[in-house]
Amino acid sequence: MIVDLPSTTTGDVSKKLVEIRESGGAVTLGRVLTLVVLTKSVSGAEDAIAAANEASREHPCRVIVLAPDDRDAPPGLDAQIRVGGDAGAS
């Protein structure tokens, strides 16, 4: 499952994670690793996600990918949550 959260806040992302965990049983609390990946651009995010998903086959983890957008754009946060089959091996 992929959930897009455009123009959001970190608080809203946190609430959505709890909601998904409670409604669908997606367990993220038992992970032993949080992998943070910083890409140089939004266009590189998919490659970074694919690599992290592959790495999760060796070590179950929570993945956070940070992809900066245009420097001239107003500050903001667009988020996407992936769980289940869209979130790698675990």
PDB file of N, CA and C in Angstrom:
ATOM      1  N   MET A   1       0.850  -1.164   0.000  1.00  0.00           N
ATOM      2  CA  MET A   1       0.000   0.000   0.000  1.00  0.00           C
ATOM      3  C   MET A   1       0.900   1.232   0.000  1.00  0.00           C
ATOM      4  N   ILE A   2       0.543   2.200  -0.824  1.00  0.00           N
ATOM      5  CA  ILE A   2       1.250   3.476  -0.880  1.00  0.00           C
ATOM      6  C   ILE A   2       0.263   4.582  -0.528  1.00  0.00           C
ATOM      7  N   VAL A   3       0.620   5.397   0.457  1.00  0.00           N
ATOM      8  CA  VAL A   3      -0.225   6.513   0.893  1.00  0.00           C
ATOM      9  C   VAL A   3       0.551   7.806   0.640  1.00  0.00           C
ATOM     10  N   ASP A   4       0.009   8.666  -0.204  1.00  0.00           N
ATOM     11  CA  ASP A   4       0.617   9.967  -0.473  1.00  0.00           C
ATOM     12  C   ASP A   4       0.055  11.006   0.482  1.00  0.00           C
ATOM     13  N   LEU A   5       0.936  11.845   1.015  1.00  0.00           N
ATOM     14  CA  LEU A   5       0.550  12.931   1.916  1.00  0.00           C
ATOM     15  C   LEU A   5       1.196  14.228   1.413  1.00  0.00           C
ATOM     16  N   PRO A   6       0.599  14.861   0.407  1.00  0.00           N
ATOM     17  CA  PRO A   6       1.173  16.112  -0.097  1.00  0.00           C
ATOM     18  C   PRO A   6       0.920  17.265   0.866  1.00  0.00           C
ATOM     19  N   SER A   7       1.832  18.205   0.870  1.00  0.00           N
ATOM     20  CA  SER A   7       1.711  19.412   1.721  1.00  0.00           C
ATOM     21  C   SER A   7       1.300  19.040   3.141  1.00  0.00           C
ATOM     22  N   THR A   8       2.130  18.275   3.804  1.00  0.00           N
ATOM     23  CA  THR A   8       1.783  17.746   5.118  1.00  0.00           C
ATOM     24  C   THR A   8       2.773  18.232   6.178  1.00  0.00           C
ATOM     25  N   THR A   9       2.639  17.671   7.363  1.00  0.00           N
ATOM     26  CA  THR A   9       3.549  17.975   8.468  1.00  0.00           C
ATOM     27  C   THR A   9       4.075  16.659   9.027  1.00  0.00           C
ATOM     28  N   THR A  10       5.150  16.731   9.796  1.00  0.00           N
ATOM     29  CA  THR A  10       5.672  15.514  10.414  1.00  0.00           C
ATOM     30  C   THR A  10       4.665  14.921  11.392  1.00  0.00           C
ATOM     31  N   GLY A  11       3.897  15.777  12.049  1.00  0.00           N
ATOM     32  CA  GLY A  11       2.851  15.298  12.959  1.00  0.00           C
ATOM     33  C   GLY A  11       1.793  14.500  12.231  1.00  0.00           C
ATOM     34  N   ASP A  12       1.385  14.975  11.054  1.00  0.00           N
ATOM     35  CA  ASP A  12       0.383  14.251  10.267  1.00  0.00           C
ATOM     36  C   ASP A  12       0.933  12.916   9.765  1.00  0.00           C
ATOM     37  N   VAL A  13       2.210  12.887   9.401  1.00  0.00           N
ATOM     38  CA  VAL A  13       2.835  11.636   8.964  1.00  0.00           C
ATOM     39  C   VAL A  13       2.823  10.641  10.121  1.00  0.00           C
ATOM     40  N   SER A  14       3.183  11.082  11.301  1.00  0.00           N
ATOM     41  CA  SER A  14       3.191  10.218  12.479  1.00  0.00           C
ATOM     42  C   SER A  14       1.798   9.662  12.769  1.00  0.00           C
ATOM     43  N   LYS A  15       0.790  10.518  12.706  1.00  0.00           N
ATOM     44  CA  LYS A  15      -0.590  10.073  12.949  1.00  0.00           C
ATOM     45  C   LYS A  15      -1.013   9.033  11.921  1.00  0.00           C
ATOM     46  N   LYS A  16      -0.648   9.242  10.651  1.00  0.00           N
ATOM     47  CA  LYS A  16      -1.024   8.302   9.595  1.00  0.00           C
ATOM     48  C   LYS A  16      -0.326   6.961   9.799  1.00  0.00           C
ATOM     49  N   LEU A  17       0.930   6.976  10.244  1.00  0.00           N
ATOM     50  CA  LEU A  17       1.630   5.720  10.530  1.00  0.00           C
ATOM     51  C   LEU A  17       0.919   4.924  11.619  1.00  0.00           C
ATOM     52  N   VAL A  18       0.501   5.612  12.668  1.00  0.00           N
ATOM     53  CA  VAL A  18      -0.236   4.947  13.751  1.00  0.00           C
ATOM     54  C   VAL A  18      -1.554   4.398  13.225  1.00  0.00           C
ATOM     55  N   GLU A  19      -2.260   5.180  12.430  1.00  0.00           N
ATOM     56  CA  GLU A  19      -3.544   4.752  11.867  1.00  0.00           C
ATOM     57  C   GLU A  19      -3.372   3.505  10.998  1.00  0.00           C
ATOM     58  N   ILE A  20      -2.362   3.488  10.159  1.00  0.00           N
ATOM     59  CA  ILE A  20      -2.111   2.334   9.288  1.00  0.00           C
ATOM     60  C   ILE A  20      -1.762   1.110  10.121  1.00  0.00           C
ATOM     61  N   ARG A  21      -0.919   1.301  11.130  1.00  0.00           N
ATOM     62  CA  ARG A  21      -0.521   0.183  11.990  1.00  0.00           C
ATOM     63  C   ARG A  21      -1.725  -0.402  12.720  1.00  0.00           C
ATOM     64  N   GLU A  22      -2.606   0.464  13.226  1.00  0.00           N
ATOM     65  CA  GLU A  22      -3.763  -0.013  13.986  1.00  0.00           C
ATOM     66  C   GLU A  22      -4.814  -0.653  13.091  1.00  0.00           C
ATOM     67  N   SER A  23      -5.022  -0.116  11.887  1.00  0.00           N
ATOM     68  CA  SER A  23      -6.074  -0.648  11.023  1.00  0.00           C
ATOM     69  C   SER A  23      -5.629  -1.850  10.203  1.00  0.00           C
ATOM     70  N   GLY A  24      -4.363  -1.860   9.786  1.00  0.00           N
ATOM     71  CA  GLY A  24      -3.931  -2.932   8.908  1.00  0.00           C
ATOM     72  C   GLY A  24      -2.962  -3.905   9.518  1.00  0.00           C
ATOM     73  N   GLY A  25      -2.557  -3.653  10.726  1.00  0.00           N
ATOM     74  CA  GLY A  25      -1.623  -4.547  11.375  1.00  0.00           C
ATOM     75  C   GLY A  25      -0.197  -4.397  10.866  1.00  0.00           C
ATOM     76  N   ALA A  26       0.097  -3.337  10.137  1.00  0.00           N
ATOM     77  CA  ALA A  26       1.463  -3.125   9.662  1.00  0.00           C
ATOM     78  C   ALA A  26       2.338  -2.802  10.863  1.00  0.00           C
ATOM     79  N   VAL A  27       3.324  -3.644  11.107  1.00  0.00           N
ATOM     80  CA  VAL A  27       4.153  -3.484  12.293  1.00  0.00           C
ATOM     81  C   VAL A  27       5.444  -2.773  11.918  1.00  0.00           C
ATOM     82  N   THR A  28       5.662  -1.596  12.477  1.00  0.00           N
ATOM     83  CA  THR A  28       6.926  -0.906  12.255  1.00  0.00           C
ATOM     84  C   THR A  28       7.705  -0.764  13.551  1.00  0.00           C
ATOM     85  N   LEU A  29       7.080  -1.056  14.663  1.00  0.00           N
ATOM     86  CA  LEU A  29       7.748  -0.857  15.947  1.00  0.00           C
ATOM     87  C   LEU A  29       8.841  -1.885  16.211  1.00  0.00           C
ATOM     88  N   GLY A  30       8.731  -3.083  15.624  1.00  0.00           N
ATOM     89  CA  GLY A  30       9.684  -4.137  15.899  1.00  0.00           C
ATOM     90  C   GLY A  30      10.954  -4.053  15.075  1.00  0.00           C
ATOM     91  N   ARG A  31      11.069  -3.103  14.217  1.00  0.00           N
ATOM     92  CA  ARG A  31      12.266  -2.974  13.394  1.00  0.00           C
ATOM     93  C   ARG A  31      13.455  -2.617  14.279  1.00  0.00           C
ATOM     94  N   VAL A  32      14.612  -3.127  13.912  1.00  0.00           N
ATOM     95  CA  VAL A  32      15.798  -2.825  14.707  1.00  0.00           C
ATOM     96  C   VAL A  32      16.681  -1.785  14.040  1.00  0.00           C
ATOM     97  N   LEU A  33      16.348  -1.390  12.814  1.00  0.00           N
ATOM     98  CA  LEU A  33      17.166  -0.429  12.102  1.00  0.00           C
ATOM     99  C   LEU A  33      16.265   0.589  11.421  1.00  0.00           C
ATOM    100  N   THR A  34      16.619   1.849  11.528  1.00  0.00           N
ATOM    101  CA  THR A  34      15.999   2.889  10.722  1.00  0.00           C
ATOM    102  C   THR A  34      17.079   3.381   9.780  1.00  0.00           C
ATOM    103  N   LEU A  35      16.872   3.151   8.489  1.00  0.00           N
ATOM    104  CA  LEU A  35      17.829   3.549   7.468  1.00  0.00           C
ATOM    105  C   LEU A  35      17.377   4.890   6.899  1.00  0.00           C
ATOM    106  N   VAL A  36      18.216   5.901   7.021  1.00  0.00           N
ATOM    107  CA  VAL A  36      17.921   7.230   6.492  1.00  0.00           C
ATOM    108  C   VAL A  36      18.788   7.443   5.262  1.00  0.00           C
ATOM    109  N   VAL A  37      18.146   7.749   4.138  1.00  0.00           N
ATOM    110  CA  VAL A  37      18.840   7.946   2.876  1.00  0.00           C
ATOM    111  C   VAL A  37      18.570   9.369   2.405  1.00  0.00           C
ATOM    112  N   LEU A  38      19.615  10.096   2.077  1.00  0.00           N
ATOM    113  CA  LEU A  38      19.478  11.447   1.547  1.00  0.00           C
ATOM    114  C   LEU A  38      19.855  11.415   0.076  1.00  0.00           C
ATOM    115  N   THR A  39      18.904  11.788  -0.792  1.00  0.00           N
ATOM    116  CA  THR A  39      19.186  11.855  -2.222  1.00  0.00           C
ATOM    117  C   THR A  39      19.495  13.292  -2.592  1.00  0.00           C
ATOM    118  N   LYS A  40      20.112  13.480  -3.746  1.00  0.00           N
ATOM    119  CA  LYS A  40      20.442  14.829  -4.192  1.00  0.00           C
ATOM    120  C   LYS A  40      19.268  15.520  -4.860  1.00  0.00           C
ATOM    121  N   SER A  41      18.270  14.725  -5.283  1.00  0.00           N
ATOM    122  CA  SER A  41      17.101  15.314  -5.946  1.00  0.00           C
ATOM    123  C   SER A  41      15.919  14.364  -5.834  1.00  0.00           C
ATOM    124  N   VAL A  42      14.736  14.882  -6.113  1.00  0.00           N
ATOM    125  CA  VAL A  42      13.521  14.065  -6.087  1.00  0.00           C
ATOM    126  C   VAL A  42      13.620  12.950  -7.124  1.00  0.00           C
ATOM    127  N   SER A  43      14.257  13.234  -8.266  1.00  0.00           N
ATOM    128  CA  SER A  43      14.344  12.233  -9.331  1.00  0.00           C
ATOM    129  C   SER A  43      15.148  11.006  -8.901  1.00  0.00           C
ATOM    130  N   GLY A  44      16.038  11.138  -7.935  1.00  0.00           N
ATOM    131  CA  GLY A  44      16.820  10.005  -7.454  1.00  0.00           C
ATOM    132  C   GLY A  44      16.148   9.205  -6.361  1.00  0.00           C
ATOM    133  N   ALA A  45      14.996   9.626  -5.910  1.00  0.00           N
ATOM    134  CA  ALA A  45      14.335   8.971  -4.782  1.00  0.00           C
ATOM    135  C   ALA A  45      13.917   7.540  -5.100  1.00  0.00           C
ATOM    136  N   GLU A  46      13.369   7.294  -6.279  1.00  0.00           N
ATOM    137  CA  GLU A  46      12.902   5.941  -6.610  1.00  0.00           C
ATOM    138  C   GLU A  46      14.054   4.942  -6.623  1.00  0.00           C
ATOM    139  N   ASP A  47      15.207   5.345  -7.164  1.00  0.00           N
ATOM    140  CA  ASP A  47      16.369   4.453  -7.152  1.00  0.00           C
ATOM    141  C   ASP A  47      16.812   4.172  -5.724  1.00  0.00           C
ATOM    142  N   ALA A  48      16.787   5.185  -4.880  1.00  0.00           N
ATOM    143  CA  ALA A  48      17.167   5.009  -3.479  1.00  0.00           C
ATOM    144  C   ALA A  48      16.195   4.080  -2.767  1.00  0.00           C
ATOM    145  N   ILE A  49      14.912   4.226  -3.041  1.00  0.00           N
ATOM    146  CA  ILE A  49      13.896   3.369  -2.421  1.00  0.00           C
ATOM    147  C   ILE A  49      14.077   1.924  -2.876  1.00  0.00           C
ATOM    148  N   ALA A  50      14.331   1.734  -4.162  1.00  0.00           N
ATOM    149  CA  ALA A  50      14.532   0.378  -4.689  1.00  0.00           C
ATOM    150  C   ALA A  50      15.749  -0.280  -4.020  1.00  0.00           C
ATOM    151  N   ALA A  51      16.833   0.473  -3.868  1.00  0.00           N
ATOM    152  CA  ALA A  51      18.038  -0.068  -3.221  1.00  0.00           C
ATOM    153  C   ALA A  51      17.762  -0.403  -1.755  1.00  0.00           C
ATOM    154  N   ALA A  52      17.034   0.463  -1.067  1.00  0.00           N
ATOM    155  CA  ALA A  52      16.707   0.211   0.343  1.00  0.00           C
ATOM    156  C   ALA A  52      15.792  -0.997   0.481  1.00  0.00           C
ATOM    157  N   ASN A  53      14.835  -1.144  -0.438  1.00  0.00           N
ATOM    158  CA  ASN A  53      13.954  -2.316  -0.402  1.00  0.00           C
ATOM    159  C   ASN A  53      14.755  -3.600  -0.580  1.00  0.00           C
ATOM    160  N   GLU A  54      15.731  -3.559  -1.478  1.00  0.00           N
ATOM    161  CA  GLU A  54      16.580  -4.732  -1.684  1.00  0.00           C
ATOM    162  C   GLU A  54      17.405  -5.028  -0.427  1.00  0.00           C
ATOM    163  N   ALA A  55      17.935  -3.990   0.201  1.00  0.00           N
ATOM    164  CA  ALA A  55      18.705  -4.176   1.429  1.00  0.00           C
ATOM    165  C   ALA A  55      17.838  -4.745   2.545  1.00  0.00           C
ATOM    166  N   SER A  56      16.554  -4.423   2.543  1.00  0.00           N
ATOM    167  CA  SER A  56      15.659  -4.910   3.604  1.00  0.00           C
ATOM    168  C   SER A  56      15.476  -6.423   3.537  1.00  0.00           C
ATOM    169  N   ARG A  57      15.835  -7.029   2.420  1.00  0.00           N
ATOM    170  CA  ARG A  57      15.769  -8.494   2.325  1.00  0.00           C
ATOM    171  C   ARG A  57      16.837  -9.144   3.221  1.00  0.00           C
ATOM    172  N   GLU A  58      17.911  -8.425   3.458  1.00  0.00           N
ATOM    173  CA  GLU A  58      18.978  -8.914   4.329  1.00  0.00           C
ATOM    174  C   GLU A  58      18.772  -8.498   5.786  1.00  0.00           C
ATOM    175  N   HIS A  59      18.190  -7.322   5.965  1.00  0.00           N
ATOM    176  CA  HIS A  59      18.016  -6.805   7.323  1.00  0.00           C
ATOM    177  C   HIS A  59      16.725  -6.000   7.374  1.00  0.00           C
ATOM    178  N   PRO A  60      15.669  -6.532   7.996  1.00  0.00           N
ATOM    179  CA  PRO A  60      14.411  -5.778   8.069  1.00  0.00           C
ATOM    180  C   PRO A  60      14.632  -4.400   8.675  1.00  0.00           C
ATOM    181  N   CYS A  61      14.042  -3.388   8.069  1.00  0.00           N
ATOM    182  CA  CYS A  61      14.283  -2.033   8.547  1.00  0.00           C
ATOM    183  C   CYS A  61      13.152  -1.093   8.145  1.00  0.00           C
ATOM    184  N   ARG A  62      13.142   0.023   8.805  1.00  0.00           N
ATOM    185  CA  ARG A  62      12.286   1.149   8.456  1.00  0.00           C
ATOM    186  C   ARG A  62      13.168   2.054   7.614  1.00  0.00           C
ATOM    187  N   VAL A  63      12.636   2.560   6.506  1.00  0.00           N
ATOM    188  CA  VAL A  63      13.436   3.386   5.599  1.00  0.00           C
ATOM    189  C   VAL A  63      12.822   4.779   5.513  1.00  0.00           C
ATOM    190  N   ILE A  64      13.655   5.787   5.680  1.00  0.00           N
ATOM    191  CA  ILE A  64      13.241   7.177   5.487  1.00  0.00           C
ATOM    192  C   ILE A  64      14.124   7.742   4.393  1.00  0.00           C
ATOM    193  N   VAL A  65      13.499   8.170   3.294  1.00  0.00           N
ATOM    194  CA  VAL A  65      14.233   8.759   2.180  1.00  0.00           C
ATOM    195  C   VAL A  65      13.919  10.247   2.143  1.00  0.00           C
ATOM    196  N   LEU A  66      14.961  11.063   2.197  1.00  0.00           N
ATOM    197  CA  LEU A  66      14.824  12.516   2.121  1.00  0.00           C
ATOM    198  C   LEU A  66      15.273  12.949   0.735  1.00  0.00           C
ATOM    199  N   ALA A  67      14.375  13.628   0.026  1.00  0.00           N
ATOM    200  CA  ALA A  67      14.675  14.058  -1.338  1.00  0.00           C
ATOM    201  C   ALA A  67      14.362  15.543  -1.463  1.00  0.00           C
ATOM    202  N   PRO A  68      15.394  16.380  -1.426  1.00  0.00           N
ATOM    203  CA  PRO A  68      15.145  17.824  -1.519  1.00  0.00           C
ATOM    204  C   PRO A  68      14.603  18.202  -2.893  1.00  0.00           C
ATOM    205  N   ASP A  69      13.730  19.170  -2.899  1.00  0.00           N
ATOM    206  CA  ASP A  69      13.124  19.654  -4.132  1.00  0.00           C
ATOM    207  C   ASP A  69      13.814  20.954  -4.534  1.00  0.00           C
ATOM    208  N   ASP A  70      13.246  21.651  -5.455  1.00  0.00           N
ATOM    209  CA  ASP A  70      13.771  22.913  -5.967  1.00  0.00           C
ATOM    210  C   ASP A  70      14.032  23.893  -4.820  1.00  0.00           C
ATOM    211  N   ARG A  71      15.216  24.450  -4.776  1.00  0.00           N
ATOM    212  CA  ARG A  71      15.571  25.399  -3.711  1.00  0.00           C
ATOM    213  C   ARG A  71      14.729  26.671  -3.753  1.00  0.00           C
ATOM    214  N   ASP A  72      14.182  26.997  -4.917  1.00  0.00           N
ATOM    215  CA  ASP A  72      13.378  28.204  -5.049  1.00  0.00           C
ATOM    216  C   ASP A  72      11.921  27.989  -4.634  1.00  0.00           C
ATOM    217  N   ALA A  73      11.536  26.745  -4.426  1.00  0.00           N
ATOM    218  CA  ALA A  73      10.161  26.448  -4.022  1.00  0.00           C
ATOM    219  C   ALA A  73       9.970  26.842  -2.557  1.00  0.00           C
ATOM    220  N   PRO A  74       8.750  27.181  -2.192  1.00  0.00           N
ATOM    221  CA  PRO A  74       8.502  27.493  -0.780  1.00  0.00           C
ATOM    222  C   PRO A  74       8.730  26.252   0.089  1.00  0.00           C
ATOM    223  N   PRO A  75       9.134  26.433   1.346  1.00  0.00           N
ATOM    224  CA  PRO A  75       9.365  25.275   2.217  1.00  0.00           C
ATOM    225  C   PRO A  75       8.086  24.472   2.411  1.00  0.00           C
ATOM    226  N   GLY A  76       8.240  23.189   2.496  1.00  0.00           N
ATOM    227  CA  GLY A  76       7.087  22.324   2.715  1.00  0.00           C
ATOM    228  C   GLY A  76       7.517  20.869   2.738  1.00  0.00           C
ATOM    229  N   LEU A  77       6.571  19.990   3.030  1.00  0.00           N
ATOM    230  CA  LEU A  77       6.843  18.563   3.113  1.00  0.00           C
ATOM    231  C   LEU A  77       5.780  17.796   2.348  1.00  0.00           C
ATOM    232  N   ASP A  78       6.210  17.034   1.367  1.00  0.00           N
ATOM    233  CA  ASP A  78       5.365  16.061   0.689  1.00  0.00           C
ATOM    234  C   ASP A  78       5.877  14.702   1.133  1.00  0.00           C
ATOM    235  N   ALA A  79       5.000  13.848   1.639  1.00  0.00           N
ATOM    236  CA  ALA A  79       5.431  12.556   2.171  1.00  0.00           C
ATOM    237  C   ALA A  79       4.707  11.421   1.467  1.00  0.00           C
ATOM    238  N   GLN A  80       5.319  10.257   1.532  1.00  0.00           N
ATOM    239  CA  GLN A  80       4.703   9.046   1.002  1.00  0.00           C
ATOM    240  C   GLN A  80       5.045   7.917   1.964  1.00  0.00           C
ATOM    241  N   ILE A  81       4.029   7.158   2.340  1.00  0.00           N
ATOM    242  CA  ILE A  81       4.220   6.012   3.241  1.00  0.00           C
ATOM    243  C   ILE A  81       3.983   4.753   2.423  1.00  0.00           C
ATOM    244  N   ARG A  82       4.922   3.819   2.504  1.00  0.00           N
ATOM    245  CA  ARG A  82       4.790   2.538   1.810  1.00  0.00           C
ATOM    246  C   ARG A  82       4.824   1.426   2.849  1.00  0.00           C
ATOM    247  N   VAL A  83       3.832   0.558   2.806  1.00  0.00           N
ATOM    248  CA  VAL A  83       3.778  -0.583   3.711  1.00  0.00           C
ATOM    249  C   VAL A  83       3.405  -1.829   2.916  1.00  0.00           C
ATOM    250  N   GLY A  84       3.582  -2.968   3.535  1.00  0.00           N
ATOM    251  CA  GLY A  84       3.239  -4.217   2.865  1.00  0.00           C
ATOM    252  C   GLY A  84       4.184  -4.523   1.719  1.00  0.00           C
ATOM    253  N   GLY A  85       3.650  -5.028   0.625  1.00  0.00           N
ATOM    254  CA  GLY A  85       4.448  -5.415  -0.521  1.00  0.00           C
ATOM    255  C   GLY A  85       5.189  -4.260  -1.155  1.00  0.00           C
ATOM    256  N   ASP A  86       4.744  -3.036  -0.926  1.00  0.00           N
ATOM    257  CA  ASP A  86       5.411  -1.864  -1.481  1.00  0.00           C
ATOM    258  C   ASP A  86       6.557  -1.370  -0.608  1.00  0.00           C
ATOM    259  N   ALA A  87       6.814  -2.054   0.497  1.00  0.00           N
ATOM    260  CA  ALA A  87       7.804  -1.577   1.451  1.00  0.00           C
ATOM    261  C   ALA A  87       8.997  -2.518   1.592  1.00  0.00           C
ATOM    262  N   GLY A  88       9.263  -3.324   0.602  1.00  0.00           N
ATOM    263  CA  GLY A  88      10.409  -4.209   0.687  1.00  0.00           C
ATOM    264  C   GLY A  88      10.042  -5.565   1.281  1.00  0.00           C
ATOM    265  N   ALA A  89      11.054  -6.271   1.718  1.00  0.00           N
ATOM    266  CA  ALA A  89      10.876  -7.651   2.162  1.00  0.00           C
ATOM    267  C   ALA A  89      10.096  -7.775   3.459  1.00  0.00           C
ATOM    268  N   SER A  90      10.106  -6.729   4.268  1.00  0.00           N
ATOM    269  CA  SER A  90       9.448  -6.856   5.559  1.00  0.00           C
ATOM    270  C   SER A  90       8.347  -5.845   5.700  1.00  0.00           C
TER     271      SER A  90
END
